[in-house]
PDB file of N, CA and C in Angstrom:
ATOM      1  N   MET A   1     -15.109   1.917   0.169  1.00  0.00           N
ATOM      2  CA  MET A   1     -13.735   2.084   0.577  1.00  0.00           C
ATOM      3  C   MET A   1     -13.043   3.152  -0.273  1.00  0.00           C
ATOM      4  N   MET A   2     -13.240   3.133  -1.569  1.00  0.00           N
ATOM      5  CA  MET A   2     -12.565   4.094  -2.435  1.00  0.00           C
ATOM      6  C   MET A   2     -13.081   5.518  -2.216  1.00  0.00           C
ATOM      7  N   THR A   3     -14.339   5.655  -1.875  1.00  0.00           N
ATOM      8  CA  THR A   3     -14.922   6.974  -1.657  1.00  0.00           C
ATOM      9  C   THR A   3     -14.275   7.683  -0.476  1.00  0.00           C
ATOM     10  N   ASN A   4     -13.893   6.936   0.547  1.00  0.00           N
ATOM     11  CA  ASN A   4     -13.351   7.512   1.776  1.00  0.00           C
ATOM     12  C   ASN A   4     -11.831   7.478   1.862  1.00  0.00           C
ATOM     13  N   LYS A   5     -11.151   7.110   0.795  1.00  0.00           N
ATOM     14  CA  LYS A   5      -9.697   6.952   0.864  1.00  0.00           C
ATOM     15  C   LYS A   5      -8.993   8.295   1.057  1.00  0.00           C
ATOM     16  N   LYS A   6      -7.883   8.241   1.818  1.00  0.00           N
ATOM     17  CA  LYS A   6      -7.030   9.401   2.047  1.00  0.00           C
ATOM     18  C   LYS A   6      -5.590   8.972   1.859  1.00  0.00           C
ATOM     19  N   VAL A   7      -4.846   9.742   1.109  1.00  0.00           N
ATOM     20  CA  VAL A   7      -3.444   9.438   0.857  1.00  0.00           C
ATOM     21  C   VAL A   7      -2.667   9.522   2.172  1.00  0.00           C
ATOM     22  N   ILE A   8      -1.781   8.551   2.384  1.00  0.00           N
ATOM     23  CA  ILE A   8      -0.884   8.578   3.537  1.00  0.00           C
ATOM     24  C   ILE A   8       0.544   8.397   3.034  1.00  0.00           C
ATOM     25  N   PRO A   9       1.531   8.876   3.792  1.00  0.00           N
ATOM     26  CA  PRO A   9       2.930   8.679   3.388  1.00  0.00           C
ATOM     27  C   PRO A   9       3.293   7.196   3.348  1.00  0.00           C
ATOM     28  N   PHE A  10       4.190   6.852   2.445  1.00  0.00           N
ATOM     29  CA  PHE A  10       4.643   5.460   2.354  1.00  0.00           C
ATOM     30  C   PHE A  10       5.228   4.986   3.683  1.00  0.00           C
ATOM     31  N   GLU A  11       5.933   5.878   4.396  1.00  0.00           N
ATOM     32  CA  GLU A  11       6.532   5.498   5.676  1.00  0.00           C
ATOM     33  C   GLU A  11       5.456   5.052   6.671  1.00  0.00           C
ATOM     34  N   THR A  12       4.351   5.775   6.715  1.00  0.00           N
ATOM     35  CA  THR A  12       3.240   5.412   7.604  1.00  0.00           C
ATOM     36  C   THR A  12       2.666   4.060   7.210  1.00  0.00           C
ATOM     37  N   PHE A  13       2.490   3.850   5.907  1.00  0.00           N
ATOM     38  CA  PHE A  13       1.970   2.583   5.401  1.00  0.00           C
ATOM     39  C   PHE A  13       2.887   1.429   5.802  1.00  0.00           C
ATOM     40  N   ILE A  14       4.176   1.576   5.552  1.00  0.00           N
ATOM     41  CA  ILE A  14       5.147   0.515   5.844  1.00  0.00           C
ATOM     42  C   ILE A  14       5.172   0.183   7.333  1.00  0.00           C
ATOM     43  N   GLN A  15       5.081   1.196   8.184  1.00  0.00           N
ATOM     44  CA  GLN A  15       5.105   0.975   9.631  1.00  0.00           C
ATOM     45  C   GLN A  15       3.813   0.337  10.144  1.00  0.00           C
ATOM     46  N   SER A  16       2.728   0.458   9.388  1.00  0.00           N
ATOM     47  CA  SER A  16       1.415   0.030   9.872  1.00  0.00           C
ATOM     48  C   SER A  16       0.955  -1.334   9.389  1.00  0.00           C
ATOM     49  N   VAL A  17       1.569  -1.858   8.332  1.00  0.00           N
ATOM     50  CA  VAL A  17       1.108  -3.130   7.771  1.00  0.00           C
ATOM     51  C   VAL A  17       2.263  -4.120   7.658  1.00  0.00           C
ATOM     52  N   ASP A  18       1.925  -5.392   7.534  1.00  0.00           N
ATOM     53  CA  ASP A  18       2.915  -6.449   7.320  1.00  0.00           C
ATOM     54  C   ASP A  18       2.881  -6.837   5.845  1.00  0.00           C
ATOM     55  N   MET A  19       3.845  -6.340   5.090  1.00  0.00           N
ATOM     56  CA  MET A  19       3.902  -6.614   3.655  1.00  0.00           C
ATOM     57  C   MET A  19       4.647  -7.906   3.325  1.00  0.00           C
ATOM     58  N   THR A  20       5.234  -8.563   4.307  1.00  0.00           N
ATOM     59  CA  THR A  20       6.107  -9.705   4.024  1.00  0.00           C
ATOM     60  C   THR A  20       5.462 -10.808   3.192  1.00  0.00           C
ATOM     61  N   PRO A  21       4.156 -11.116   3.355  1.00  0.00           N
ATOM     62  CA  PRO A  21       3.592 -12.184   2.523  1.00  0.00           C
ATOM     63  C   PRO A  21       3.615 -11.888   1.017  1.00  0.00           C
ATOM     64  N   MET A  22       3.693 -10.634   0.638  1.00  0.00           N
ATOM     65  CA  MET A  22       3.658 -10.300  -0.789  1.00  0.00           C
ATOM     66  C   MET A  22       5.038  -9.997  -1.364  1.00  0.00           C
ATOM     67  N   LEU A  23       6.078 -10.054  -0.548  1.00  0.00           N
ATOM     68  CA  LEU A  23       7.424  -9.721  -0.991  1.00  0.00           C
ATOM     69  C   LEU A  23       8.215 -10.960  -1.388  1.00  0.00           C
ATOM     70  N   ASP A  24       9.140 -10.774  -2.317  1.00  0.00           N
ATOM     71  CA  ASP A  24      10.095 -11.834  -2.619  1.00  0.00           C
ATOM     72  C   ASP A  24      11.010 -12.017  -1.413  1.00  0.00           C
ATOM     73  N   GLU A  25      11.688 -13.137  -1.362  1.00  0.00           N
ATOM     74  CA  GLU A  25      12.523 -13.489  -0.213  1.00  0.00           C
ATOM     75  C   GLU A  25      13.545 -12.416   0.143  1.00  0.00           C
ATOM     76  N   ASP A  26      14.159 -11.793  -0.860  1.00  0.00           N
ATOM     77  CA  ASP A  26      15.214 -10.803  -0.612  1.00  0.00           C
ATOM     78  C   ASP A  26      14.733  -9.360  -0.786  1.00  0.00           C
ATOM     79  N   GLU A  27      13.428  -9.151  -0.807  1.00  0.00           N
ATOM     80  CA  GLU A  27      12.854  -7.829  -1.064  1.00  0.00           C
ATOM     81  C   GLU A  27      12.427  -7.152   0.237  1.00  0.00           C
ATOM     82  N   THR A  28      12.580  -5.837   0.296  1.00  0.00           N
ATOM     83  CA  THR A  28      12.128  -5.063   1.442  1.00  0.00           C
ATOM     84  C   THR A  28      10.871  -4.286   1.042  1.00  0.00           C
ATOM     85  N   PRO A  29      10.063  -3.863   2.015  1.00  0.00           N
ATOM     86  CA  PRO A  29       8.905  -3.029   1.679  1.00  0.00           C
ATOM     87  C   PRO A  29       9.315  -1.748   0.936  1.00  0.00           C
ATOM     88  N   GLU A  30      10.390  -1.127   1.397  1.00  0.00           N
ATOM     89  CA  GLU A  30      10.875   0.088   0.736  1.00  0.00           C
ATOM     90  C   GLU A  30      11.276  -0.191  -0.708  1.00  0.00           C
ATOM     91  N   GLY A  31      11.955  -1.311  -0.934  1.00  0.00           N
ATOM     92  CA  GLY A  31      12.360  -1.690  -2.286  1.00  0.00           C
ATOM     93  C   GLY A  31      11.166  -1.971  -3.179  1.00  0.00           C
ATOM     94  N   PHE A  32      10.162  -2.642  -2.628  1.00  0.00           N
ATOM     95  CA  PHE A  32       8.948  -2.928  -3.398  1.00  0.00           C
ATOM     96  C   PHE A  32       8.287  -1.628  -3.833  1.00  0.00           C
ATOM     97  N   ILE A  33       8.183  -0.680  -2.926  1.00  0.00           N
ATOM     98  CA  ILE A  33       7.536   0.592  -3.262  1.00  0.00           C
ATOM     99  C   ILE A  33       8.374   1.372  -4.266  1.00  0.00           C
ATOM    100  N   GLN A  34       9.689   1.390  -4.103  1.00  0.00           N
ATOM    101  CA  GLN A  34      10.543   2.087  -5.072  1.00  0.00           C
ATOM    102  C   GLN A  34      10.418   1.472  -6.468  1.00  0.00           C
ATOM    103  N   ASP A  35      10.405   0.153  -6.556  1.00  0.00           N
ATOM    104  CA  ASP A  35      10.228  -0.520  -7.846  1.00  0.00           C
ATOM    105  C   ASP A  35       8.859  -0.209  -8.436  1.00  0.00           C
ATOM    106  N   SER A  36       7.834  -0.170  -7.580  1.00  0.00           N
ATOM    107  CA  SER A  36       6.479   0.145  -8.041  1.00  0.00           C
ATOM    108  C   SER A  36       6.409   1.568  -8.585  1.00  0.00           C
ATOM    109  N   LEU A  37       7.048   2.499  -7.872  1.00  0.00           N
ATOM    110  CA  LEU A  37       7.070   3.895  -8.338  1.00  0.00           C
ATOM    111  C   LEU A  37       7.802   4.033  -9.669  1.00  0.00           C
ATOM    112  N   ALA A  38       8.861   3.239  -9.857  1.00  0.00           N
ATOM    113  CA  ALA A  38       9.610   3.290 -11.119  1.00  0.00           C
ATOM    114  C   ALA A  38       8.746   2.820 -12.289  1.00  0.00           C
ATOM    115  N   GLN A  39       7.887   1.831 -12.044  1.00  0.00           N
ATOM    116  CA  GLN A  39       7.016   1.305 -13.089  1.00  0.00           C
ATOM    117  C   GLN A  39       5.737   2.112 -13.235  1.00  0.00           C
ATOM    118  N   ASP A  40       5.253   2.685 -12.129  1.00  0.00           N
ATOM    119  CA  ASP A  40       4.001   3.440 -12.134  1.00  0.00           C
ATOM    120  C   ASP A  40       4.139   4.633 -11.191  1.00  0.00           C
ATOM    121  N   PRO A  41       4.436   5.813 -11.728  1.00  0.00           N
ATOM    122  CA  PRO A  41       4.638   6.990 -10.885  1.00  0.00           C
ATOM    123  C   PRO A  41       3.400   7.391 -10.069  1.00  0.00           C
ATOM    124  N   GLU A  42       2.252   6.834 -10.392  1.00  0.00           N
ATOM    125  CA  GLU A  42       1.031   7.144  -9.643  1.00  0.00           C
ATOM    126  C   GLU A  42       0.806   6.192  -8.471  1.00  0.00           C
ATOM    127  N   THR A  43       1.757   5.327  -8.192  1.00  0.00           N
ATOM    128  CA  THR A  43       1.684   4.447  -7.029  1.00  0.00           C
ATOM    129  C   THR A  43       1.471   5.292  -5.782  1.00  0.00           C
ATOM    130  N   ALA A  44       0.541   4.871  -4.928  1.00  0.00           N
ATOM    131  CA  ALA A  44       0.244   5.631  -3.710  1.00  0.00           C
ATOM    132  C   ALA A  44      -0.285   4.698  -2.632  1.00  0.00           C
ATOM    133  N   SER A  45      -0.165   5.151  -1.388  1.00  0.00           N
ATOM    134  CA  SER A  45      -0.714   4.407  -0.259  1.00  0.00           C
ATOM    135  C   SER A  45      -1.837   5.221   0.364  1.00  0.00           C
ATOM    136  N   TYR A  46      -2.831   4.493   0.885  1.00  0.00           N
ATOM    137  CA  TYR A  46      -4.048   5.125   1.384  1.00  0.00           C
ATOM    138  C   TYR A  46      -4.506   4.473   2.677  1.00  0.00           C
ATOM    139  N   VAL A  47      -5.328   5.221   3.408  1.00  0.00           N
ATOM    140  CA  VAL A  47      -6.089   4.685   4.526  1.00  0.00           C
ATOM    141  C   VAL A  47      -7.555   4.938   4.218  1.00  0.00           C
ATOM    142  N   SER A  48      -8.395   4.001   4.602  1.00  0.00           N
ATOM    143  CA  SER A  48      -9.831   4.128   4.388  1.00  0.00           C
ATOM    144  C   SER A  48     -10.535   3.226   5.396  1.00  0.00           C
ATOM    145  N   ASN A  49     -11.743   2.835   5.067  1.00  0.00           N
ATOM    146  CA  ASN A  49     -12.471   1.909   5.927  1.00  0.00           C
ATOM    147  C   ASN A  49     -13.002   0.747   5.101  1.00  0.00           C
ATOM    148  N   TRP A  50     -13.088  -0.384   5.756  1.00  0.00           N
ATOM    149  CA  TRP A  50     -13.669  -1.597   5.177  1.00  0.00           C
ATOM    150  C   TRP A  50     -14.786  -1.977   6.134  1.00  0.00           C
ATOM    151  N   GLY A  51     -15.973  -1.532   5.846  1.00  0.00           N
ATOM    152  CA  GLY A  51     -17.072  -1.693   6.797  1.00  0.00           C
ATOM    153  C   GLY A  51     -16.771  -0.856   8.023  1.00  0.00           C
ATOM    154  N   ASP A  52     -16.672  -1.517   9.174  1.00  0.00           N
ATOM    155  CA  ASP A  52     -16.375  -0.789  10.407  1.00  0.00           C
ATOM    156  C   ASP A  52     -14.910  -0.899  10.815  1.00  0.00           C
ATOM    157  N   LYS A  53     -14.060  -1.407   9.914  1.00  0.00           N
ATOM    158  CA  LYS A  53     -12.636  -1.564  10.212  1.00  0.00           C
ATOM    159  C   LYS A  53     -11.801  -0.597   9.383  1.00  0.00           C
ATOM    160  N   GLN A  54     -10.670  -0.191   9.953  1.00  0.00           N
ATOM    161  CA  GLN A  54      -9.722   0.612   9.180  1.00  0.00           C
ATOM    162  C   GLN A  54      -9.009  -0.291   8.183  1.00  0.00           C
ATOM    163  N   ALA A  55      -8.809   0.211   6.999  1.00  0.00           N
ATOM    164  CA  ALA A  55      -8.070  -0.514   5.977  1.00  0.00           C
ATOM    165  C   ALA A  55      -7.009   0.405   5.393  1.00  0.00           C
ATOM    166  N   MET A  56      -5.870  -0.175   5.085  1.00  0.00           N
ATOM    167  CA  MET A  56      -4.825   0.546   4.367  1.00  0.00           C
ATOM    168  C   MET A  56      -4.586  -0.210   3.081  1.00  0.00           C
ATOM    169  N   PHE A  57      -4.275   0.538   2.038  1.00  0.00           N
ATOM    170  CA  PHE A  57      -3.983  -0.153   0.793  1.00  0.00           C
ATOM    171  C   PHE A  57      -2.955   0.577  -0.029  1.00  0.00           C
ATOM    172  N   LEU A  58      -2.270  -0.206  -0.850  1.00  0.00           N
ATOM    173  CA  LEU A  58      -1.259   0.279  -1.761  1.00  0.00           C
ATOM    174  C   LEU A  58      -1.819   0.106  -3.163  1.00  0.00           C
ATOM    175  N   GLN A  59      -1.899   1.192  -3.899  1.00  0.00           N
ATOM    176  CA  GLN A  59      -2.442   1.144  -5.258  1.00  0.00           C
ATOM    177  C   GLN A  59      -1.274   1.222  -6.230  1.00  0.00           C
ATOM    178  N   VAL A  60      -1.140   0.175  -7.050  1.00  0.00           N
ATOM    179  CA  VAL A  60      -0.026   0.048  -7.980  1.00  0.00           C
ATOM    180  C   VAL A  60      -0.547  -0.448  -9.321  1.00  0.00           C
ATOM    181  N   ALA A  61      -0.356   0.315 -10.364  1.00  0.00           N
ATOM    182  CA  ALA A  61      -0.682  -0.110 -11.734  1.00  0.00           C
ATOM    183  C   ALA A  61      -2.084  -0.708 -11.847  1.00  0.00           C
ATOM    184  N   GLY A  62      -3.044  -0.076 -11.214  1.00  0.00           N
ATOM    185  CA  GLY A  62      -4.417  -0.525 -11.322  1.00  0.00           C
ATOM    186  C   GLY A  62      -4.804  -1.627 -10.352  1.00  0.00           C
ATOM    187  N   PHE A  63      -3.881  -2.065  -9.510  1.00  0.00           N
ATOM    188  CA  PHE A  63      -4.158  -3.082  -8.501  1.00  0.00           C
ATOM    189  C   PHE A  63      -4.152  -2.440  -7.118  1.00  0.00           C
ATOM    190  N   GLU A  64      -4.953  -2.970  -6.226  1.00  0.00           N
ATOM    191  CA  GLU A  64      -4.937  -2.536  -4.838  1.00  0.00           C
ATOM    192  C   GLU A  64      -4.556  -3.716  -3.955  1.00  0.00           C
ATOM    193  N   PHE A  65      -3.528  -3.525  -3.158  1.00  0.00           N
ATOM    194  CA  PHE A  65      -3.128  -4.501  -2.153  1.00  0.00           C
ATOM    195  C   PHE A  65      -3.718  -4.002  -0.839  1.00  0.00           C
ATOM    196  N   ILE A  66      -4.733  -4.704  -0.335  1.00  0.00           N
ATOM    197  CA  ILE A  66      -5.529  -4.223   0.801  1.00  0.00           C
ATOM    198  C   ILE A  66      -5.128  -4.956   2.079  1.00  0.00           C
ATOM    199  N   PHE A  67      -4.949  -4.180   3.147  1.00  0.00           N
ATOM    200  CA  PHE A  67      -4.580  -4.710   4.463  1.00  0.00           C
ATOM    201  C   PHE A  67      -5.630  -4.230   5.460  1.00  0.00           C
ATOM    202  N   VAL A  68      -6.342  -5.183   6.094  1.00  0.00           N
ATOM    203  CA  VAL A  68      -7.381  -4.840   7.059  1.00  0.00           C
ATOM    204  C   VAL A  68      -6.924  -5.236   8.441  1.00  0.00           C
TER     205      VAL A  68
END
């Protein structure tokens, strides 16, 4: 998955995945990404593959939040 990753805009990521399970009750996807960027300027969103499926992921402070 990491070998084939391609950076995508945050807007594309937000429109393509359901981030609600990982957000606080009053948090928005945009707010989560802005907070992540403030803590880790290398925060980025990607598209890749997970076997034969498309996967998108958000990389933040050494963690990957993967959406298949």
